[in-house]
Amino acid sequence: MTDTVASSLAVEVTAPGKPSYRPARYSDLDLVRNRLAEVIAETPYYSATFKAYESARLSKQYLAALIDADPHHVMLFERDNKVVGFMISGPELGTLWLYWSYLFPEYRRASGVVWAMKTFINHWDNGRFHKIATYTKEGNDAAAVIMTRTGYKHIATLENHIFGEDYQLYERPLTKAVDGYDHGTSGGIKNKLLRRLKMAFAR
């Protein structure tokens, strides 16, 4: 199980209009996938082995499966109707994992990251999950500051956890109020074929 959060939580974003967020659509997948590949390649904290693995894992098909599970698992942040960043998450064994966060470099000028993280937390504190969990790496101090400011706690440092490297586990409690658990993405050939068909006609 390899779940990560990007170091880009440390940056901030601004633009003339009021920020907003929305769930991704299939038509957003090219943008999200291209910018995700960008942050995976440029983030300095991860090994080449991990970057290659993660870039292959988070394919358009995988992102589409997350959207099928809940479109807010690919959460887009906007200003003036322009996408300025995203957070990608997924349900695993009753926990909501925050995989990657990225606010685009061209919009990093003023306060906004804390708002984005709080928006993500507030949306998902909807009774479905006990907690949010995410990983970061030692040395990514800015990301740790943002997570601490928004209620995450450093639970443990997991040694030799992913491709022989240490990862820091952070968690943020939520209030679970409904019975049952999200079961994640739908696999199988049938679901993959249906997604491919829908993606082909996405606008």
Foldseek 3Di string as FASTA:
>chain_A
DDAAEALQLLFAFDDDADKDKDFDDLVCLVVVLVVVLVRLVPGPFDDPVVSVVVNVVPDSLQLLLQVVLPSLQWMFMDGPPDTQWTWHWWDDPQEIETGYTHGHPVGGDDHHSLVVVLVNQVVPLPQAHFKYKHKDAPPSVSNVVSCVVNAKDFDDWAALPPVRHIITMIMHGHHHDDDDHRPIGDDDPVVSVVSVVCSVPTD
